[in-house]
PDB file of all heavy atoms in Angstrom:
ATOM      1  N   GLU A   1       0.830  -1.204   0.000  1.00  0.00           N
ATOM      2  CA  GLU A   1       0.000   0.000   0.000  1.00  0.00           C
ATOM      3  C   GLU A   1       0.864   1.254   0.000  1.00  0.00           C
ATOM      4  O   GLU A   1       0.599   2.211  -0.727  1.00  0.00           O
ATOM      5  CB  GLU A   1      -0.928   0.011   1.224  1.00  0.00           C
ATOM      6  CG  GLU A   1      -2.043  -1.008   1.207  1.00  0.00           C
ATOM      7  CD  GLU A   1      -2.905  -0.893   2.447  1.00  0.00           C
ATOM      8  OE1 GLU A   1      -2.824   0.146   3.155  1.00  0.00           O
ATOM      9  OE2 GLU A   1      -3.663  -1.838   2.734  1.00  0.00           O
ATOM     10  N   ALA A   2       1.908   1.239   0.824  1.00  0.00           N
ATOM     11  CA  ALA A   2       2.784   2.408   0.924  1.00  0.00           C
ATOM     12  C   ALA A   2       3.553   2.623  -0.377  1.00  0.00           C
ATOM     13  O   ALA A   2       3.654   3.757  -0.864  1.00  0.00           O
ATOM     14  CB  ALA A   2       3.744   2.242   2.098  1.00  0.00           C
ATOM     15  N   PHE A   3       4.105   1.549  -0.937  1.00  0.00           N
ATOM     16  CA  PHE A   3       4.889   1.687  -2.162  1.00  0.00           C
ATOM     17  C   PHE A   3       4.020   2.193  -3.306  1.00  0.00           C
ATOM     18  O   PHE A   3       4.453   3.046  -4.101  1.00  0.00           O
ATOM     19  CB  PHE A   3       5.527   0.350  -2.536  1.00  0.00           C
ATOM     20  CG  PHE A   3       6.407   0.425  -3.759  1.00  0.00           C
ATOM     21  CD1 PHE A   3       7.636   1.067  -3.705  1.00  0.00           C
ATOM     22  CD2 PHE A   3       6.007  -0.134  -4.959  1.00  0.00           C
ATOM     23  CE1 PHE A   3       8.457   1.149  -4.825  1.00  0.00           C
ATOM     24  CE2 PHE A   3       6.815  -0.054  -6.082  1.00  0.00           C
ATOM     25  CZ  PHE A   3       8.043   0.588  -6.014  1.00  0.00           C
ATOM     26  N   ASP A   4       2.795   1.708  -3.389  1.00  0.00           N
ATOM     27  CA  ASP A   4       1.892   2.173  -4.444  1.00  0.00           C
ATOM     28  C   ASP A   4       1.622   3.666  -4.300  1.00  0.00           C
ATOM     29  O   ASP A   4       1.611   4.410  -5.296  1.00  0.00           O
ATOM     30  CB  ASP A   4       0.587   1.383  -4.387  1.00  0.00           C
ATOM     31  CG  ASP A   4      -0.391   1.798  -5.480  1.00  0.00           C
ATOM     32  OD1 ASP A   4      -0.076   1.587  -6.662  1.00  0.00           O
ATOM     33  OD2 ASP A   4      -1.452   2.360  -5.137  1.00  0.00           O
ATOM     34  N   ALA A   5       1.409   4.119  -3.057  1.00  0.00           N
ATOM     35  CA  ALA A   5       1.151   5.545  -2.841  1.00  0.00           C
ATOM     36  C   ALA A   5       2.375   6.385  -3.192  1.00  0.00           C
ATOM     37  O   ALA A   5       2.259   7.455  -3.806  1.00  0.00           O
ATOM     38  CB  ALA A   5       0.750   5.780  -1.386  1.00  0.00           C
ATOM     39  N   VAL A   6       3.557   5.887  -2.817  1.00  0.00           N
ATOM     40  CA  VAL A   6       4.788   6.616  -3.132  1.00  0.00           C
ATOM     41  C   VAL A   6       4.993   6.674  -4.644  1.00  0.00           C
ATOM     42  O   VAL A   6       5.330   7.724  -5.202  1.00  0.00           O
ATOM     43  CB  VAL A   6       5.997   5.961  -2.434  1.00  0.00           C
ATOM     44  CG1 VAL A   6       7.308   6.522  -2.976  1.00  0.00           C
ATOM     45  CG2 VAL A   6       5.924   6.169  -0.921  1.00  0.00           C
ATOM     46  N   LYS A   7       4.781   5.558  -5.297  1.00  0.00           N
ATOM     47  CA  LYS A   7       4.966   5.509  -6.744  1.00  0.00           C
ATOM     48  C   LYS A   7       4.041   6.502  -7.457  1.00  0.00           C
ATOM     49  O   LYS A   7       4.410   7.128  -8.456  1.00  0.00           O
ATOM     50  CB  LYS A   7       4.710   4.088  -7.245  1.00  0.00           C
ATOM     51  CG  LYS A   7       5.144   3.839  -8.673  1.00  0.00           C
ATOM     52  CD  LYS A   7       5.154   2.351  -9.001  1.00  0.00           C
ATOM     53  CE  LYS A   7       3.779   1.722  -8.855  1.00  0.00           C
ATOM     54  NZ  LYS A   7       3.768   0.318  -9.334  1.00  0.00           N
ATOM     55  N   ARG A   8       2.815   6.652  -6.904  1.00  0.00           N
ATOM     56  CA  ARG A   8       1.846   7.581  -7.498  1.00  0.00           C
ATOM     57  C   ARG A   8       2.042   9.023  -7.026  1.00  0.00           C
ATOM     58  O   ARG A   8       1.350   9.935  -7.490  1.00  0.00           O
ATOM     59  CB  ARG A   8       0.413   7.145  -7.164  1.00  0.00           C
ATOM     60  CG  ARG A   8      -0.005   5.844  -7.834  1.00  0.00           C
ATOM     61  CD  ARG A   8      -1.458   5.495  -7.542  1.00  0.00           C
ATOM     62  NE  ARG A   8      -1.673   5.068  -6.155  1.00  0.00           N
ATOM     63  CZ  ARG A   8      -2.243   5.808  -5.216  1.00  0.00           C
ATOM     64  NH1 ARG A   8      -2.637   7.046  -5.475  1.00  0.00           N
ATOM     65  NH2 ARG A   8      -2.400   5.319  -3.992  1.00  0.00           N
ATOM     66  N   GLY A   9       2.964   9.203  -6.072  1.00  0.00           N
ATOM     67  CA  GLY A   9       3.162  10.535  -5.519  1.00  0.00           C
ATOM     68  C   GLY A   9       2.033  10.971  -4.612  1.00  0.00           C
ATOM     69  O   GLY A   9       1.805  12.173  -4.414  1.00  0.00           O
ATOM     70  N   ALA A  10       1.323   9.986  -4.025  1.00  0.00           N
ATOM     71  CA  ALA A  10       0.158  10.282  -3.188  1.00  0.00           C
ATOM     72  C   ALA A  10       0.576  10.528  -1.742  1.00  0.00           C
ATOM     73  O   ALA A  10       0.067   9.910  -0.798  1.00  0.00           O
ATOM     74  CB  ALA A  10      -0.845   9.138  -3.271  1.00  0.00           C
ATOM     75  N   TYR A  11       1.543  11.412  -1.588  1.00  0.00           N
ATOM     76  CA  TYR A  11       1.985  11.855  -0.272  1.00  0.00           C
ATOM     77  C   TYR A  11       2.578  13.238  -0.478  1.00  0.00           C
ATOM     78  O   TYR A  11       2.765  13.695  -1.614  1.00  0.00           O
ATOM     79  CB  TYR A  11       3.003  10.877   0.330  1.00  0.00           C
ATOM     80  CG  TYR A  11       4.329  10.831  -0.395  1.00  0.00           C
ATOM     81  CD1 TYR A  11       5.465  11.427   0.139  1.00  0.00           C
ATOM     82  CD2 TYR A  11       4.469  10.191  -1.643  1.00  0.00           C
ATOM     83  CE1 TYR A  11       6.685  11.393  -0.520  1.00  0.00           C
ATOM     84  CE2 TYR A  11       5.687  10.148  -2.307  1.00  0.00           C
ATOM     85  CZ  TYR A  11       6.784  10.750  -1.745  1.00  0.00           C
ATOM     86  OH  TYR A  11       7.984  10.716  -2.402  1.00  0.00           O
ATOM     87  N   GLN A  12       2.880  13.911   0.621  1.00  0.00           N
ATOM     88  CA  GLN A  12       3.369  15.275   0.472  1.00  0.00           C
ATOM     89  C   GLN A  12       4.432  15.597   1.505  1.00  0.00           C
ATOM     90  O   GLN A  12       4.597  14.870   2.494  1.00  0.00           O
ATOM     91  CB  GLN A  12       2.217  16.271   0.592  1.00  0.00           C
ATOM     92  CG  GLN A  12       1.467  16.214   1.913  1.00  0.00           C
ATOM     93  CD  GLN A  12       0.222  17.074   1.900  1.00  0.00           C
ATOM     94  OE1 GLN A  12      -0.235  17.523   0.857  1.00  0.00           O
ATOM     95  NE2 GLN A  12      -0.340  17.312   3.075  1.00  0.00           N
ATOM     96  N   GLU A  13       5.144  16.667   1.244  1.00  0.00           N
ATOM     97  CA  GLU A  13       6.167  17.137   2.168  1.00  0.00           C
ATOM     98  C   GLU A  13       5.561  17.324   3.549  1.00  0.00           C
ATOM     99  O   GLU A  13       4.465  17.875   3.694  1.00  0.00           O
ATOM    100  CB  GLU A  13       6.753  18.446   1.650  1.00  0.00           C
ATOM    101  CG  GLU A  13       7.877  18.995   2.504  1.00  0.00           C
ATOM    102  CD  GLU A  13       8.522  20.238   1.917  1.00  0.00           C
ATOM    103  OE1 GLU A  13       8.326  20.488   0.691  1.00  0.00           O
ATOM    104  OE2 GLU A  13       9.226  20.943   2.658  1.00  0.00           O
ATOM    105  N   GLY A  14       6.279  16.856   4.561  1.00  0.00           N
ATOM    106  CA  GLY A  14       5.800  16.970   5.932  1.00  0.00           C
ATOM    107  C   GLY A  14       5.068  15.742   6.439  1.00  0.00           C
ATOM    108  O   GLY A  14       4.746  15.665   7.629  1.00  0.00           O
ATOM    109  N   ASP A  15       4.826  14.765   5.560  1.00  0.00           N
ATOM    110  CA  ASP A  15       4.169  13.527   5.996  1.00  0.00           C
ATOM    111  C   ASP A  15       5.142  12.629   6.747  1.00  0.00           C
ATOM    112  O   ASP A  15       6.348  12.618   6.480  1.00  0.00           O
ATOM    113  CB  ASP A  15       3.634  12.743   4.794  1.00  0.00           C
ATOM    114  CG  ASP A  15       2.296  13.257   4.281  1.00  0.00           C
ATOM    115  OD1 ASP A  15       1.680  14.109   4.968  1.00  0.00           O
ATOM    116  OD2 ASP A  15       1.871  12.817   3.198  1.00  0.00           O
ATOM    117  N   VAL A  16       4.596  11.880   7.700  1.00  0.00           N
ATOM    118  CA  VAL A  16       5.300  10.754   8.300  1.00  0.00           C
ATOM    119  C   VAL A  16       4.602   9.500   7.790  1.00  0.00           C
ATOM    120  O   VAL A  16       3.475   9.202   8.186  1.00  0.00           O
ATOM    121  CB  VAL A  16       5.278  10.796   9.837  1.00  0.00           C
ATOM    122  CG1 VAL A  16       5.995   9.569  10.405  1.00  0.00           C
ATOM    123  CG2 VAL A  16       5.917  12.067  10.367  1.00  0.00           C
ATOM    124  N   ILE A  17       5.249   8.817   6.872  1.00  0.00           N
ATOM    125  CA  ILE A  17       4.659   7.614   6.287  1.00  0.00           C
ATOM    126  C   ILE A  17       4.786   6.475   7.303  1.00  0.00           C
ATOM    127  O   ILE A  17       5.877   6.161   7.772  1.00  0.00           O
ATOM    128  CB  ILE A  17       5.361   7.265   4.969  1.00  0.00           C
ATOM    129  CG1 ILE A  17       5.132   8.389   3.951  1.00  0.00           C
ATOM    130  CG2 ILE A  17       4.877   5.925   4.425  1.00  0.00           C
ATOM    131  CD1 ILE A  17       5.957   8.258   2.684  1.00  0.00           C
ATOM    132  N   VAL A  18       3.646   5.885   7.665  1.00  0.00           N
ATOM    133  CA  VAL A  18       3.590   4.816   8.662  1.00  0.00           C
ATOM    134  C   VAL A  18       3.273   3.505   7.940  1.00  0.00           C
ATOM    135  O   VAL A  18       2.229   3.381   7.295  1.00  0.00           O
ATOM    136  CB  VAL A  18       2.520   5.108   9.729  1.00  0.00           C
ATOM    137  CG1 VAL A  18       2.448   3.957  10.735  1.00  0.00           C
ATOM    138  CG2 VAL A  18       2.791   6.433  10.434  1.00  0.00           C
ATOM    139  N   ILE A  19       4.189   2.543   8.032  1.00  0.00           N
ATOM    140  CA  ILE A  19       3.951   1.212   7.458  1.00  0.00           C
ATOM    141  C   ILE A  19       3.894   0.223   8.617  1.00  0.00           C
ATOM    142  O   ILE A  19       4.888   0.001   9.302  1.00  0.00           O
ATOM    143  CB  ILE A  19       5.059   0.805   6.472  1.00  0.00           C
ATOM    144  CG1 ILE A  19       5.257   1.880   5.400  1.00  0.00           C
ATOM    145  CG2 ILE A  19       4.695  -0.520   5.808  1.00  0.00           C
ATOM    146  CD1 ILE A  19       6.383   1.582   4.418  1.00  0.00           C
ATOM    147  N   ARG A  20       2.741  -0.357   8.833  1.00  0.00           N
ATOM    148  CA  ARG A  20       2.556  -1.215  10.009  1.00  0.00           C
ATOM    149  C   ARG A  20       2.005  -2.582   9.618  1.00  0.00           C
ATOM    150  O   ARG A  20       1.758  -2.848   8.462  1.00  0.00           O
ATOM    151  CB  ARG A  20       1.608  -0.529  10.993  1.00  0.00           C
ATOM    152  CG  ARG A  20       0.235  -0.215  10.408  1.00  0.00           C
ATOM    153  CD  ARG A  20      -0.487   0.762  11.273  1.00  0.00           C
ATOM    154  NE  ARG A  20      -1.793   1.108  10.720  1.00  0.00           N
ATOM    155  CZ  ARG A  20      -2.590   2.054  11.213  1.00  0.00           C
ATOM    156  NH1 ARG A  20      -2.204   2.751  12.272  1.00  0.00           N
ATOM    157  NH2 ARG A  20      -3.756   2.303  10.663  1.00  0.00           N
ATOM    158  N   TYR A  21       1.853  -3.447  10.615  1.00  0.00           N
ATOM    159  CA  TYR A  21       1.526  -4.856  10.403  1.00  0.00           C
ATOM    160  C   TYR A  21       2.580  -5.539   9.542  1.00  0.00           C
ATOM    161  O   TYR A  21       2.289  -6.445   8.775  1.00  0.00           O
ATOM    162  CB  TYR A  21       0.116  -5.022   9.819  1.00  0.00           C
ATOM    163  CG  TYR A  21      -0.950  -4.578  10.789  1.00  0.00           C
ATOM    164  CD1 TYR A  21      -1.547  -3.326  10.675  1.00  0.00           C
ATOM    165  CD2 TYR A  21      -1.313  -5.389  11.862  1.00  0.00           C
ATOM    166  CE1 TYR A  21      -2.492  -2.896  11.587  1.00  0.00           C
ATOM    167  CE2 TYR A  21      -2.265  -4.976  12.788  1.00  0.00           C
ATOM    168  CZ  TYR A  21      -2.852  -3.724  12.650  1.00  0.00           C
ATOM    169  OH  TYR A  21      -3.785  -3.301  13.572  1.00  0.00           O
ATOM    170  N   GLU A  22       3.825  -5.098   9.709  1.00  0.00           N
ATOM    171  CA  GLU A  22       4.963  -5.692   9.008  1.00  0.00           C
ATOM    172  C   GLU A  22       6.020  -6.164   9.999  1.00  0.00           C
ATOM    173  O   GLU A  22       7.166  -6.391   9.642  1.00  0.00           O
ATOM    174  CB  GLU A  22       5.582  -4.683   8.036  1.00  0.00           C
ATOM    175  CG  GLU A  22       4.716  -4.333   6.842  1.00  0.00           C
ATOM    176  CD  GLU A  22       4.631  -5.447   5.809  1.00  0.00           C
ATOM    177  OE1 GLU A  22       5.140  -6.559   6.079  1.00  0.00           O
ATOM    178  OE2 GLU A  22       4.040  -5.214   4.734  1.00  0.00           O
ATOM    179  N   GLY A  23       5.638  -6.339  11.280  1.00  0.00           N
ATOM    180  CA  GLY A  23       6.587  -6.792  12.290  1.00  0.00           C
ATOM    181  C   GLY A  23       6.871  -8.283  12.189  1.00  0.00           C
ATOM    182  O   GLY A  23       6.369  -8.970  11.287  1.00  0.00           O
ATOM    183  N   PRO A  24       7.654  -8.824  13.118  1.00  0.00           N
ATOM    184  CA  PRO A  24       7.997 -10.249  13.069  1.00  0.00           C
ATOM    185  C   PRO A  24       6.759 -11.148  13.029  1.00  0.00           C
ATOM    186  O   PRO A  24       6.692 -12.083  12.232  1.00  0.00           O
ATOM    187  CB  PRO A  24       8.805 -10.469  14.356  1.00  0.00           C
ATOM    188  CG  PRO A  24       9.373  -9.124  14.680  1.00  0.00           C
ATOM    189  CD  PRO A  24       8.333  -8.132  14.240  1.00  0.00           C
ATOM    190  N   ARG A  25       5.790 -10.845  13.880  1.00  0.00           N
ATOM    191  CA  ARG A  25       4.584 -11.672  13.943  1.00  0.00           C
ATOM    192  C   ARG A  25       3.531 -11.209  12.945  1.00  0.00           C
ATOM    193  O   ARG A  25       2.881 -12.011  12.280  1.00  0.00           O
ATOM    194  CB  ARG A  25       3.992 -11.630  15.352  1.00  0.00           C
ATOM    195  CG  ARG A  25       2.748 -12.501  15.525  1.00  0.00           C
ATOM    196  CD  ARG A  25       2.239 -12.475  16.958  1.00  0.00           C
ATOM    197  NE  ARG A  25       3.249 -12.994  17.883  1.00  0.00           N
ATOM    198  CZ  ARG A  25       3.067 -13.108  19.196  1.00  0.00           C
ATOM    199  NH1 ARG A  25       1.923 -12.714  19.741  1.00  0.00           N
ATOM    200  NH2 ARG A  25       4.021 -13.594  19.959  1.00  0.00           N
ATOM    201  N   GLY A  26       3.369  -9.930  12.813  1.00  0.00           N
ATOM    202  CA  GLY A  26       2.272  -9.395  12.010  1.00  0.00           C
ATOM    203  C   GLY A  26       2.481  -9.470  10.532  1.00  0.00           C
ATOM    204  O   GLY A  26       1.525  -9.448   9.755  1.00  0.00           O
ATOM    205  N   GLY A  27       3.739  -9.553  10.082  1.00  0.00           N
ATOM    206  CA  GLY A  27       4.001  -9.605   8.648  1.00  0.00           C
ATOM    207  C   GLY A  27       3.371 -10.815   7.967  1.00  0.00           C
ATOM    208  O   GLY A  27       2.601 -10.651   7.042  1.00  0.00           O
ATOM    209  N   PRO A  28       3.669 -12.046   8.430  1.00  0.00           N
ATOM    210  CA  PRO A  28       4.805 -12.310   9.307  1.00  0.00           C
ATOM    211  C   PRO A  28       6.129 -12.150   8.560  1.00  0.00           C
ATOM    212  O   PRO A  28       6.149 -12.148   7.341  1.00  0.00           O
ATOM    213  CB  PRO A  28       4.587 -13.759   9.743  1.00  0.00           C
ATOM    214  CG  PRO A  28       3.695 -14.362   8.709  1.00  0.00           C
ATOM    215  CD  PRO A  28       2.944 -13.267   8.046  1.00  0.00           C
ATOM    216  N   GLY A  29       7.206 -11.978   9.340  1.00  0.00           N
ATOM    217  CA  GLY A  29       8.528 -11.986   8.746  1.00  0.00           C
ATOM    218  C   GLY A  29       9.289 -10.680   8.763  1.00  0.00           C
ATOM    219  O   GLY A  29      10.430 -10.641   8.342  1.00  0.00           O
ATOM    220  N   MET A  30       8.671  -9.572   9.206  1.00  0.00           N
ATOM    221  CA  MET A  30       9.394  -8.318   9.389  1.00  0.00           C
ATOM    222  C   MET A  30      10.164  -7.914   8.135  1.00  0.00           C
ATOM    223  O   MET A  30      11.382  -7.853   8.109  1.00  0.00           O
ATOM    224  CB  MET A  30      10.332  -8.414  10.591  1.00  0.00           C
ATOM    225  CG  MET A  30      10.720  -7.061  11.173  1.00  0.00           C
ATOM    226  SD  MET A  30      11.794  -7.246  12.605  1.00  0.00           S
ATOM    227  CE  MET A  30      11.965  -5.532  13.102  1.00  0.00           C
ATOM    228  N   ARG A  31       9.424  -7.599   7.085  1.00  0.00           N
ATOM    229  CA  ARG A  31      10.043  -7.276   5.803  1.00  0.00           C
ATOM    230  C   ARG A  31      10.866  -5.987   5.865  1.00  0.00           C
ATOM    231  O   ARG A  31      10.587  -5.086   6.635  1.00  0.00           O
ATOM    232  CB  ARG A  31       8.975  -7.117   4.721  1.00  0.00           C
ATOM    233  CG  ARG A  31       8.327  -8.410   4.312  1.00  0.00           C
ATOM    234  CD  ARG A  31       7.476  -8.243   3.085  1.00  0.00           C
ATOM    235  NE  ARG A  31       6.273  -7.481   3.320  1.00  0.00           N
ATOM    236  CZ  ARG A  31       5.377  -7.193   2.377  1.00  0.00           C
ATOM    237  NH1 ARG A  31       5.584  -7.595   1.129  1.00  0.00           N
ATOM    238  NH2 ARG A  31       4.309  -6.501   2.659  1.00  0.00           N
ATOM    239  N   GLU A  32      11.873  -5.923   4.984  1.00  0.00           N
ATOM    240  CA  GLU A  32      12.619  -4.686   4.781  1.00  0.00           C
ATOM    241  C   GLU A  32      11.869  -3.787   3.807  1.00  0.00           C
ATOM    242  O   GLU A  32      11.155  -4.255   2.929  1.00  0.00           O
ATOM    243  CB  GLU A  32      14.013  -4.992   4.211  1.00  0.00           C
ATOM    244  CG  GLU A  32      14.925  -5.658   5.211  1.00  0.00           C
ATOM    245  CD  GLU A  32      16.323  -5.887   4.655  1.00  0.00           C
ATOM    246  OE1 GLU A  32      16.526  -5.681   3.447  1.00  0.00           O
ATOM    247  OE2 GLU A  32      17.201  -6.285   5.431  1.00  0.00           O
ATOM    248  N   MET A  33      12.067  -2.481   3.966  1.00  0.00           N
ATOM    249  CA  MET A  33      11.302  -1.492   3.210  1.00  0.00           C
ATOM    250  C   MET A  33      12.166  -0.734   2.201  1.00  0.00           C
ATOM    251  O   MET A  33      11.865   0.407   1.864  1.00  0.00           O
ATOM    252  CB  MET A  33      10.660  -0.488   4.187  1.00  0.00           C
ATOM    253  CG  MET A  33       9.806  -1.141   5.254  1.00  0.00           C
ATOM    254  SD  MET A  33       8.372  -1.950   4.576  1.00  0.00           S
ATOM    255  CE  MET A  33       7.994  -3.135   5.857  1.00  0.00           C
ATOM    256  N   LEU A  34      13.226  -1.340   1.709  1.00  0.00           N
ATOM    257  CA  LEU A  34      14.135  -0.614   0.833  1.00  0.00           C
ATOM    258  C   LEU A  34      13.453  -0.135  -0.446  1.00  0.00           C
ATOM    259  O   LEU A  34      13.751   0.959  -0.934  1.00  0.00           O
ATOM    260  CB  LEU A  34      15.344  -1.485   0.477  1.00  0.00           C
ATOM    261  CG  LEU A  34      16.361  -0.856  -0.482  1.00  0.00           C
ATOM    262  CD1 LEU A  34      16.914   0.447   0.074  1.00  0.00           C
ATOM    263  CD2 LEU A  34      17.490  -1.828  -0.792  1.00  0.00           C
ATOM    264  N   ALA A  35      12.570  -0.932  -1.010  1.00  0.00           N
ATOM    265  CA  ALA A  35      11.913  -0.509  -2.250  1.00  0.00           C
ATOM    266  C   ALA A  35      11.187   0.816  -2.045  1.00  0.00           C
ATOM    267  O   ALA A  35      11.248   1.720  -2.891  1.00  0.00           O
ATOM    268  CB  ALA A  35      10.941  -1.586  -2.726  1.00  0.00           C
ATOM    269  N   THR A  36      10.513   0.959  -0.913  1.00  0.00           N
ATOM    270  CA  THR A  36       9.766   2.183  -0.637  1.00  0.00           C
ATOM    271  C   THR A  36      10.693   3.341  -0.307  1.00  0.00           C
ATOM    272  O   THR A  36      10.552   4.444  -0.844  1.00  0.00           O
ATOM    273  CB  THR A  36       8.778   1.948   0.529  1.00  0.00           C
ATOM    274  OG1 THR A  36       7.897   0.879   0.175  1.00  0.00           O
ATOM    275  CG2 THR A  36       7.963   3.204   0.808  1.00  0.00           C
ATOM    276  N   THR A  37      11.674   3.111   0.577  1.00  0.00           N
ATOM    277  CA  THR A  37      12.561   4.209   0.965  1.00  0.00           C
ATOM    278  C   THR A  37      13.425   4.664  -0.209  1.00  0.00           C
ATOM    279  O   THR A  37      13.680   5.862  -0.373  1.00  0.00           O
ATOM    280  CB  THR A  37      13.455   3.811   2.151  1.00  0.00           C
ATOM    281  OG1 THR A  37      14.271   2.685   1.799  1.00  0.00           O
ATOM    282  CG2 THR A  37      12.611   3.447   3.362  1.00  0.00           C
ATOM    283  N   ALA A  38      13.870   3.717  -1.026  1.00  0.00           N
ATOM    284  CA  ALA A  38      14.678   4.085  -2.189  1.00  0.00           C
ATOM    285  C   ALA A  38      13.852   4.879  -3.197  1.00  0.00           C
ATOM    286  O   ALA A  38      14.354   5.825  -3.815  1.00  0.00           O
ATOM    287  CB  ALA A  38      15.260   2.830  -2.842  1.00  0.00           C
ATOM    288  N   ALA A  39      12.580   4.500  -3.362  1.00  0.00           N
ATOM    289  CA  ALA A  39      11.712   5.234  -4.280  1.00  0.00           C
ATOM    290  C   ALA A  39      11.508   6.670  -3.808  1.00  0.00           C
ATOM    291  O   ALA A  39      11.472   7.612  -4.615  1.00  0.00           O
ATOM    292  CB  ALA A  39      10.370   4.522  -4.417  1.00  0.00           C
TER     293      ALA A  39
END
């Protein structure tokens, strides 16, 4: 969801992008977010 919004530019300066339910249990697997941060 976050990567799609970033790719579309659906965020703005001053936002704190929150990506959740990606922890060890909730993911499961605690994914890395490099694709989103690099974008």
